[in-house]
Each structure stands twice: as structure tokens, then as C-alpha cells.
């Protein structure tokens, strides 16, 4: 039989008062922590539910935009907003901010992408949660869907998509090379190109490249900062060959001006003037160098600009400067094989990679390009190419 302890008065034993007091203290300390965890779990659970709903809202918007890429109204009164806001009423999150669809590429093409973003301010329910995070949580979500309006074969009925309208002539700050007068004609042409200009340089490359520029005229007026549009054209004037008495100094030994020519062009001009190739010094100069100065020897150049055909020229050089090219001429890809497009794009000076629609059909004849051919675009602009209407090579 179990014996029950008895005190001296004959009553059953009780827990000491000190132990009971310690338990109450521990409970009093744990209760606020438990309440805090409960409150936070309520707010965080509601916030997580709100974020899931935002994900669904962005997917609803992206799906609608992917099937209606030709719409022009994406504003607050549009069907697009109405569809998204209809499901937004299920969460305590406002105001709901809805971005317009972002199509890549733009204008939208079949097989491209569209992205929709939705954000809102989520109000916390409990005062403790509001005090901890400042009253509200900023939530956001984004979804990307492929554009799937129409069908891949629709072009066979309606024809290839029309090209986008030509962009307005781009402007950029291109400054006229300085110096310009005093350079060779060929060197001035190089300086004009390296300064980022794409307009015509007159005269074209030829026999006059070794002459000295004495003046120039351009078809644009610089702005207050000295900037000219990149399509500015220039025509240079140069001194004529001096009149030569019979037998005095044949024009074939008239010393060419090599200033600012590349080494390769300078050697060609030196020989074309009637001088010996081996008398172009120093030996072993590479083609990426540019002529800075030239010295004729061993005899001096005559006042009329002529020298003995056996004369030598010793040049000093600098590294060829990198062209300040900002705009490139878009190639015409229509009718070209897709396999040849990357080389043509790179040769035109563009620095971006091409994007091909329907990659599973590669290679194919190109029948769509997102940029108009034979127009100037920034060299960092992207381009999308597409297959022929039937979708077969």
C-alpha cells in the first residue's frame, strides 16, 4: 500500500510556496513571447497569401497581354486593368499598381515575350506587427509569358509583318577633327571617320590621297557645344601639283603627304608617287599604326615639292585610334540565309547579338527584321530576325 506523507498536523503535503511563485514568474515571461509569435504568424501568413495572390494577378495580366499584343489602351479603364483588379479584391493590399505590358522585342512579334508587374502596399492587421515593420509591407510580383497572338502561319495569308517606321535621324555629339587642315587627304578622311562621322567625305579614296588639305566645307552648322550630327558631309580642298617645266621634276616624284594615313595606305601612296618601296623606313611597321611625321632624305625636298626617286622617307607613328562610332547602318537581311546574318551584323559594326524567331527551324531564309534596313541605328541596338511565311527554309 502507497503511504501518503503526512505533516505533523496530519494533512497531506503541499508544494512549497516558493516553487509556486517561480512557476508564475516563468509563465509571465513566456506569455508575451508566445503572443508576439502568434501575432507575427497571423500577419506573415496574411502577407504570404497576399504575395501569392499578386503572383496570380501578374500572370493574369501577362496572359491577357500575350493574347492581345495589338491593343493600344492599357490604361485604368481598359479590360486589362479590370481583369487584374477583379481578383485583387481578395487581399487587403492597396493601392494596386499595375504596369503597362513590356514587350520584347517591341513592337510585339509572335514568339516574343511580354512582362507584367504588379505591386501593392500590404497593411498589417496587428498593432505589434505594424510597429515592427512600419505599418505596411511593399509587395510585388512579375510574370513573363510568350506572345502567342495569331498563329505561326498567319503571315502566309496576310503577308509578312510590316517593318516598323523609320526612326528619326539620330543625333549625337560628334566633333570635327582638330587639326584637319595640313593633313593628307587620305589622313583627313581617316580622322573624319575615327571622329564618328558617317556622312560622305569628298574626294573619295584615290590618287589625291597624298595631297595636303588646305580647307574644308561642311553641310551642317555646329551647335553651341561644337557638336555636329553624325551624318554631316565634308568636302576638302587641297593644293594642286605645281606646274612643272619640261624635264624639271616629273609628277611621279612629287613627294606625297602621308600625315595621318595608316602605314598600309602610306606605303601604297609612296610607291604610287614613283619612289622605291624599300626606301620606306623603318622596316616592319604594322598596319594598325598611323603616320605622325615624315622626313625625306638624304637630300632635302625642292621648293616645288619634288625629290629624287631614290630618296628615303622615315616616319614616326602612333597607334591607330579607336573609332568613336556611335551609329551603324542596318544591313538588309530580307532574302539572306540566317547563317550569314551574324557576320553581316558584326561587319556593320553592331555590338549586340542577333535574336532569331523560331530557332527550331534554323537555318532559313530571312523574311522579317525588326529594324528597317539601310537606316542608321545606335551600334548597341538589338535586332530580331524571322523566317519566311511558310516557316520552312
Protein backbone atom coordinates (compact mmCIF):
# COMPACT_ATOMS: atom_id res chain seq x y z
CA UNK A 1 0.00 0.00 0.00
CA UNK A 2 1.26 3.50 -1.00
CA UNK A 3 1.94 5.63 2.02
CA UNK A 4 0.90 9.28 1.81
CA UNK A 5 3.26 11.63 3.60
CA UNK A 6 1.64 13.44 6.47
CA UNK A 7 2.78 16.55 8.24
CA UNK A 8 2.70 16.91 11.88
CA UNK A 9 -0.91 18.07 11.80
CA UNK A 10 -1.98 15.00 9.88
CA UNK A 11 -2.68 16.81 6.49
CA UNK A 12 -1.35 15.78 3.08
CA UNK A 13 1.90 17.52 1.88
CA UNK A 14 1.66 20.67 -0.35
CA UNK A 15 4.10 22.23 -2.89
CA UNK A 16 6.18 24.87 -1.20
CA UNK A 17 5.03 28.45 -1.82
CA UNK A 18 8.42 29.44 -3.28
CA UNK A 19 8.11 26.87 -6.11
CA UNK A 20 4.63 28.04 -6.99
CA UNK A 21 5.83 31.62 -7.24
CA UNK A 22 8.72 30.69 -9.56
CA UNK A 23 6.35 28.94 -11.98
CA UNK A 24 4.14 32.01 -12.18
CA UNK A 25 7.14 34.19 -12.97
CA UNK A 26 8.26 31.87 -15.79
CA UNK A 27 4.75 31.86 -17.26
CA UNK A 28 4.61 35.65 -17.08
CA UNK A 29 7.89 35.87 -19.00
CA UNK A 30 6.88 33.38 -21.71
CA UNK A 31 3.40 34.74 -22.33
CA UNK A 32 4.48 37.96 -24.20
CA UNK A 33 6.83 35.93 -26.38
CA UNK A 34 4.08 33.48 -27.24
CA UNK A 35 1.69 36.33 -28.02
CA UNK A 36 4.32 38.01 -30.24
CA UNK A 37 4.88 34.80 -32.19
CA UNK A 38 1.14 34.36 -32.60
CA UNK A 39 0.69 37.92 -33.84
CA UNK A 40 3.60 37.66 -36.30
CA UNK A 41 2.36 34.35 -37.63
CA UNK A 42 -1.03 35.92 -38.35
CA UNK A 43 0.45 38.92 -40.20
CA UNK A 44 3.11 36.96 -42.03
CA UNK A 45 0.60 34.33 -43.08
CA UNK A 46 -1.69 37.00 -44.50
CA UNK A 47 1.26 38.70 -46.25
CA UNK A 48 2.32 35.40 -47.82
CA UNK A 49 -1.24 34.83 -49.03
CA UNK A 50 -1.20 38.37 -50.48
CA UNK A 51 2.08 37.71 -52.32
CA UNK A 52 0.69 34.51 -53.82
CA UNK A 53 -2.34 36.48 -54.99
CA UNK A 54 -0.07 39.14 -56.55
CA UNK A 55 1.72 36.39 -58.47
CA UNK A 56 -1.62 35.26 -59.84
CA UNK A 57 -2.56 38.85 -60.73
CA UNK A 58 0.66 39.34 -62.73
CA UNK A 59 0.07 36.04 -64.51
CA UNK A 60 -3.48 37.08 -65.40
CA UNK A 61 -2.17 40.35 -66.85
CA UNK A 62 0.71 38.73 -68.74
CA UNK A 63 -1.57 36.06 -70.18
CA UNK A 64 -4.06 38.69 -71.38
CA UNK A 65 -1.30 40.84 -72.93
CA UNK A 66 0.27 37.79 -74.61
CA UNK A 67 -3.01 37.09 -76.42
CA UNK A 68 -3.85 40.75 -77.19
CA UNK A 69 -0.48 42.34 -78.14
CA UNK A 70 -2.06 44.64 -80.72
CA UNK A 71 -4.09 46.65 -78.17
CA UNK A 72 -3.20 50.31 -77.72
CA UNK A 73 -5.11 51.02 -74.49
CA UNK A 74 -3.60 49.56 -71.32
CA UNK A 75 -4.90 52.32 -69.03
CA UNK A 76 -7.02 52.18 -65.84
CA UNK A 77 -10.29 51.88 -67.79
CA UNK A 78 -9.08 49.03 -70.01
CA UNK A 79 -10.14 45.40 -69.91
CA UNK A 80 -6.54 44.62 -68.94
CA UNK A 81 -6.84 46.56 -65.65
CA UNK A 82 -10.33 45.22 -64.97
CA UNK A 83 -9.20 41.58 -65.17
CA UNK A 84 -6.32 42.16 -62.77
CA UNK A 85 -8.26 44.23 -60.25
CA UNK A 86 -11.15 41.78 -60.17
CA UNK A 87 -9.02 39.22 -58.31
CA UNK A 88 -7.17 41.90 -56.29
CA UNK A 89 -10.27 42.40 -54.10
CA UNK A 90 -9.49 39.17 -52.25
CA UNK A 91 -6.50 40.69 -50.45
CA UNK A 92 -6.09 43.61 -48.08
CA UNK A 93 -3.41 45.23 -50.26
CA UNK A 94 -3.83 48.68 -51.77
CA UNK A 95 -3.32 50.64 -53.82
CA UNK A 96 -2.60 48.06 -56.50
CA UNK A 97 -0.12 49.48 -59.04
CA UNK A 98 -0.22 47.82 -62.47
CA UNK A 99 2.45 48.49 -65.10
CA UNK A 100 1.76 48.51 -68.83
CA UNK A 101 2.92 45.31 -70.54
CA UNK A 102 6.57 45.37 -71.66
CA UNK A 103 7.04 43.57 -74.99
CA UNK A 104 10.44 42.19 -76.00
CA UNK A 105 11.09 42.84 -78.82
CA UNK A 106 8.98 45.90 -79.43
CA UNK A 107 6.72 46.11 -81.41
CA UNK A 108 5.38 42.74 -80.24
CA UNK A 109 6.02 39.77 -82.51
CA UNK A 110 4.74 36.22 -82.37
CA UNK A 111 7.10 34.20 -80.16
CA UNK A 112 8.44 37.24 -78.31
CA UNK A 113 8.00 37.91 -74.59
CA UNK A 114 5.71 40.16 -72.55
CA UNK A 115 6.26 41.04 -68.88
CA UNK A 116 3.70 42.44 -66.44
CA UNK A 117 4.50 43.72 -62.93
CA UNK A 118 2.03 44.31 -60.08
CA UNK A 119 2.85 45.94 -56.72
CA UNK A 120 0.84 46.98 -53.66
CA UNK A 121 1.17 48.10 -50.05
CA UNK A 122 0.02 45.35 -47.65
CA UNK A 123 -1.48 46.69 -44.40
CA UNK A 124 -0.63 44.63 -41.32
CA UNK A 125 -3.50 43.62 -39.07
CA UNK A 126 -1.95 43.79 -35.62
CA UNK A 127 -0.50 46.89 -33.90
CA UNK A 128 2.60 44.96 -32.85
CA UNK A 129 3.32 43.87 -36.42
CA UNK A 130 2.75 47.42 -37.68
CA UNK A 131 5.14 48.81 -35.08
CA UNK A 132 7.86 46.33 -36.06
CA UNK A 133 7.81 46.94 -39.87
CA UNK A 134 6.48 50.48 -40.04
CA UNK A 135 2.80 49.87 -40.69
CA UNK A 136 2.85 48.12 -44.09
CA UNK A 137 4.81 45.79 -46.36
CA UNK A 138 5.58 46.62 -50.00
CA UNK A 139 4.84 43.52 -52.08
CA UNK A 140 5.44 42.95 -55.76
CA UNK A 141 5.35 40.23 -58.41
CA UNK A 142 6.17 39.95 -62.12
CA UNK A 143 5.36 37.34 -64.76
CA UNK A 144 6.67 36.81 -68.30
CA UNK A 145 4.64 35.00 -70.96
CA UNK A 146 5.41 34.27 -74.62
CA UNK A 147 3.39 36.30 -77.11
CA UNK A 148 1.05 33.87 -78.83
CA UNK A 149 -1.43 36.04 -80.71
CA UNK A 150 -2.43 34.65 -84.10
CA UNK A 151 -0.56 31.63 -85.38
CA UNK A 152 2.82 30.89 -86.95
CA UNK A 153 1.26 30.51 -90.42
CA UNK A 154 -0.86 33.68 -90.35
CA UNK A 155 1.76 35.52 -92.39
CA UNK A 156 1.04 33.20 -95.31
CA UNK A 157 -2.41 34.84 -95.57
CA UNK A 158 -1.71 38.42 -94.62
CA UNK A 159 1.88 38.69 -95.82
CA UNK A 160 4.99 39.34 -93.73
CA UNK A 161 4.61 41.84 -90.88
CA UNK A 162 5.21 45.43 -91.96
CA UNK A 163 8.54 46.87 -90.89
CA UNK A 164 8.47 49.48 -88.14
CA UNK A 165 8.53 53.10 -89.31
CA UNK A 166 11.98 54.57 -89.87
CA UNK A 167 13.27 56.24 -86.72
CA UNK A 168 14.02 59.95 -86.80
CA UNK A 169 17.60 60.78 -87.69
CA UNK A 170 19.64 60.14 -84.55
CA UNK A 171 21.70 62.91 -83.10
CA UNK A 172 24.96 62.68 -81.20
CA UNK A 173 27.86 64.90 -80.30
CA UNK A 174 30.46 64.37 -83.00
CA UNK A 175 33.16 67.00 -83.15
CA UNK A 176 35.22 67.95 -86.18
CA UNK A 177 38.79 66.59 -86.01
CA UNK A 178 41.42 69.07 -84.97
CA UNK A 179 43.78 69.55 -86.71
CA UNK A 180 42.22 68.98 -90.11
CA UNK A 181 43.94 71.42 -92.45
CA UNK A 182 47.52 70.28 -93.09
CA UNK A 183 46.75 66.57 -93.04
CA UNK A 184 46.94 64.48 -96.16
CA UNK A 185 43.61 63.98 -97.94
CA UNK A 186 43.72 60.28 -97.00
CA UNK A 187 44.66 61.15 -93.42
CA UNK A 188 41.83 63.70 -93.15
CA UNK A 189 39.40 61.03 -94.36
CA UNK A 190 40.66 58.71 -91.62
CA UNK A 191 40.32 61.45 -88.98
CA UNK A 192 36.75 62.17 -90.14
CA UNK A 193 35.75 58.50 -89.83
CA UNK A 194 37.51 57.99 -86.49
CA UNK A 195 35.61 61.01 -85.10
CA UNK A 196 32.37 59.03 -85.60
CA UNK A 197 31.05 60.68 -88.78
CA UNK A 198 29.16 58.59 -91.32
CA UNK A 199 28.49 61.32 -93.90
CA UNK A 200 30.23 61.43 -97.28
CA UNK A 201 33.86 62.57 -97.44
CA UNK A 202 34.87 64.21 -100.73
CA UNK A 203 37.05 63.30 -102.56
CA UNK A 204 36.79 59.52 -102.45
CA UNK A 205 39.91 57.45 -101.93
CA UNK A 206 42.23 57.65 -104.92
CA UNK A 207 45.26 59.32 -106.43
CA UNK A 208 44.74 62.56 -104.47
CA UNK A 209 45.15 60.94 -101.05
CA UNK A 210 48.77 62.14 -100.78
CA UNK A 211 47.89 65.82 -101.32
CA UNK A 212 47.69 68.33 -98.45
CA UNK A 213 44.33 69.62 -97.21
CA UNK A 214 44.10 73.43 -97.42
CA UNK A 215 40.44 73.92 -96.48
CA UNK A 216 37.11 72.22 -95.96
CA UNK A 217 33.36 72.84 -96.15
CA UNK A 218 30.61 71.01 -94.25
CA UNK A 219 26.84 70.94 -94.77
CA UNK A 220 25.86 71.42 -91.10
CA UNK A 221 26.33 74.19 -88.52
CA UNK A 222 27.81 73.15 -85.15
CA UNK A 223 25.72 73.81 -82.07
CA UNK A 224 26.84 75.84 -79.07
CA UNK A 225 28.91 72.87 -77.82
CA UNK A 226 30.60 72.36 -81.18
CA UNK A 227 28.61 69.19 -81.90
CA UNK A 228 27.67 68.03 -85.39
CA UNK A 229 25.23 65.24 -86.37
CA UNK A 230 26.98 62.07 -87.42
CA UNK A 231 25.59 62.25 -90.99
CA UNK A 232 27.40 65.57 -91.70
CA UNK A 233 29.20 65.58 -95.06
CA UNK A 234 32.52 67.28 -95.75
CA UNK A 235 34.41 68.30 -98.89
CA UNK A 236 38.09 69.21 -98.61
CA UNK A 237 40.22 71.42 -100.82
CA UNK A 238 43.86 70.61 -101.48
CA UNK A 239 46.80 72.23 -103.20
CA UNK A 240 47.32 71.29 -106.87
CA UNK A 241 50.51 69.81 -108.21
CA UNK A 242 52.90 72.64 -109.11
CA UNK A 243 53.37 73.48 -112.78
CA UNK A 244 56.44 71.62 -113.98
CA UNK A 245 58.79 72.80 -116.75
CA UNK A 246 59.60 70.10 -119.24
CA UNK A 247 62.06 67.63 -117.67
CA UNK A 248 62.41 69.59 -114.41
CA UNK A 249 60.54 67.37 -112.00
CA UNK A 250 58.16 64.69 -113.28
CA UNK A 251 54.97 64.39 -111.24
CA UNK A 252 55.81 60.78 -110.41
CA UNK A 253 58.43 62.05 -107.90
CA UNK A 254 56.26 64.70 -106.27
CA UNK A 255 56.59 63.92 -102.56
CA UNK A 256 53.22 62.77 -101.12
CA UNK A 257 51.93 64.00 -97.79
CA UNK A 258 51.49 60.90 -95.57
CA UNK A 259 50.24 62.61 -92.39
CA UNK A 260 47.52 60.60 -90.58
CA UNK A 261 47.49 57.81 -93.17
CA UNK A 262 47.67 54.24 -91.98
CA UNK A 263 51.01 52.57 -92.66
CA UNK A 264 49.50 50.35 -95.35
CA UNK A 265 47.98 53.28 -97.25
CA UNK A 266 51.13 55.36 -96.78
CA UNK A 267 53.34 52.66 -98.34
CA UNK A 268 50.95 52.40 -101.29
CA UNK A 269 50.95 56.18 -101.77
CA UNK A 270 54.75 56.33 -101.50
CA UNK A 271 55.19 53.76 -104.27
CA UNK A 272 52.42 55.27 -106.42
CA UNK A 273 54.33 58.57 -106.37
CA UNK A 274 57.30 56.82 -108.01
CA UNK A 275 59.51 56.12 -105.00
CA UNK A 276 61.04 52.75 -104.05
CA UNK A 277 59.19 50.52 -101.58
CA UNK A 278 62.41 49.59 -99.77
CA UNK A 279 63.08 53.28 -99.05
CA UNK A 280 60.04 53.50 -96.74
CA UNK A 281 61.58 53.40 -93.24
CA UNK A 282 61.69 51.96 -90.66
CA UNK A 283 61.09 48.40 -91.78
CA UNK A 284 58.49 46.13 -90.23
CA UNK A 285 55.81 48.70 -89.38
CA UNK A 286 52.40 47.10 -88.83
CA UNK A 287 49.10 48.10 -90.37
CA UNK A 288 47.49 49.32 -87.12
CA UNK A 289 49.86 52.29 -86.93
CA UNK A 290 49.23 55.83 -88.20
CA UNK A 291 51.80 58.21 -89.66
CA UNK A 292 52.59 61.26 -87.48
CA UNK A 293 55.63 62.82 -89.19
CA UNK A 294 57.75 62.14 -92.27
CA UNK A 295 61.34 63.09 -93.10
CA UNK A 296 62.77 62.91 -96.65
CA UNK A 297 66.48 62.18 -97.18
CA UNK A 298 69.31 62.23 -97.90
CA UNK A 299 68.67 65.44 -99.88
CA UNK A 300 66.04 67.99 -98.97
CA UNK A 301 62.77 68.37 -100.84
CA UNK A 302 62.97 71.01 -103.56
CA UNK A 303 60.78 74.15 -103.23
CA UNK A 304 58.48 72.78 -105.90
CA UNK A 305 57.78 69.70 -103.73
CA UNK A 306 59.83 67.21 -105.73
CA UNK A 307 62.58 64.83 -104.66
CA UNK A 308 64.93 62.33 -106.21
CA UNK A 309 63.16 58.99 -106.91
CA UNK A 310 65.86 57.26 -104.82
CA UNK A 311 65.04 59.35 -101.74
CA UNK A 312 64.05 57.69 -98.48
CA UNK A 313 61.19 58.60 -96.15
CA UNK A 314 61.48 57.97 -92.42
CA UNK A 315 58.23 58.16 -90.50
CA UNK A 316 57.11 58.30 -86.90
CA UNK A 317 53.88 56.58 -85.94
CA UNK A 318 51.20 56.28 -83.29
CA UNK A 319 48.68 53.56 -82.56
CA UNK A 320 45.57 53.77 -84.69
CA UNK A 321 42.85 55.46 -82.57
CA UNK A 322 39.63 53.61 -81.88
CA UNK A 323 36.79 54.96 -83.98
CA UNK A 324 34.17 56.86 -81.98
CA UNK A 325 31.42 55.05 -83.85
CA UNK A 326 28.02 55.57 -82.25
CA UNK A 327 25.68 54.75 -85.13
CA UNK A 328 25.77 51.84 -87.55
CA UNK A 329 23.98 51.21 -90.85
CA UNK A 330 21.45 48.37 -90.53
CA UNK A 331 22.02 45.70 -93.21
CA UNK A 332 19.12 44.50 -95.37
CA UNK A 333 18.59 40.91 -94.18
CA UNK A 334 15.41 40.12 -96.15
CA UNK A 335 16.26 37.26 -98.52
CA UNK A 336 19.51 36.40 -96.69
CA UNK A 337 20.21 33.00 -95.14
CA UNK A 338 20.13 33.10 -91.35
CA UNK A 339 23.58 31.51 -91.17
CA UNK A 340 25.06 34.56 -92.94
CA UNK A 341 23.32 37.15 -90.78
CA UNK A 342 25.68 37.26 -87.74
CA UNK A 343 28.71 38.05 -89.90
CA UNK A 344 26.85 40.82 -91.74
CA UNK A 345 25.60 42.27 -88.44
CA UNK A 346 29.08 42.28 -86.93
CA UNK A 347 30.68 43.71 -90.08
CA UNK A 348 28.24 46.63 -89.92
CA UNK A 349 29.71 47.49 -86.51
CA UNK A 350 26.86 46.41 -84.21
CA UNK A 351 27.88 45.11 -80.79
CA UNK A 352 24.73 43.15 -79.86
CA UNK A 353 23.78 39.56 -80.68
CA UNK A 354 21.01 38.74 -83.14
CA UNK A 355 17.79 37.10 -81.97
CA UNK A 356 16.16 34.52 -84.27
CA UNK A 357 12.47 33.69 -84.06
CA UNK A 358 11.50 30.01 -84.50
CA UNK A 359 15.01 28.72 -83.71
CA UNK A 360 13.81 25.16 -84.26
CA UNK A 361 13.52 25.97 -87.99
CA UNK A 362 17.10 27.25 -88.41
CA UNK A 363 18.60 27.66 -90.92
CA UNK A 364 16.04 29.57 -93.00
CA UNK A 365 15.64 32.43 -95.46
CA UNK A 366 15.03 35.66 -93.51
CA UNK A 367 11.72 37.36 -94.32
CA UNK A 368 11.35 39.61 -91.25
CA UNK A 369 13.64 42.03 -89.45
CA UNK A 370 12.61 44.30 -86.59
CA UNK A 371 14.79 47.22 -87.78
CA UNK A 372 14.45 48.86 -91.18
CA UNK A 373 17.38 48.04 -93.46
CA UNK A 374 19.66 50.82 -94.76
CA UNK A 375 18.84 53.13 -91.81
CA UNK A 376 21.15 54.34 -89.06
CA UNK A 377 20.74 52.94 -85.54
CA UNK A 378 22.88 53.04 -82.41
CA UNK A 379 25.52 50.33 -82.60
CA UNK A 380 24.19 48.78 -79.36
CA UNK A 381 20.64 48.33 -80.71
CA UNK A 382 19.17 44.79 -80.72
CA UNK A 383 17.69 43.13 -83.82
CA UNK A 384 15.20 40.28 -84.22
CA UNK A 385 15.03 38.22 -87.42
CA UNK A 386 12.29 35.82 -88.50
CA UNK A 387 11.69 33.00 -91.02
CA UNK A 388 9.74 33.04 -94.25
CA UNK A 389 5.92 32.93 -94.15
CA UNK A 390 5.73 29.15 -94.57
CA UNK A 391 8.19 28.62 -91.73
CA UNK A 392 10.44 26.37 -93.80
CA UNK A 393 13.83 27.03 -95.36
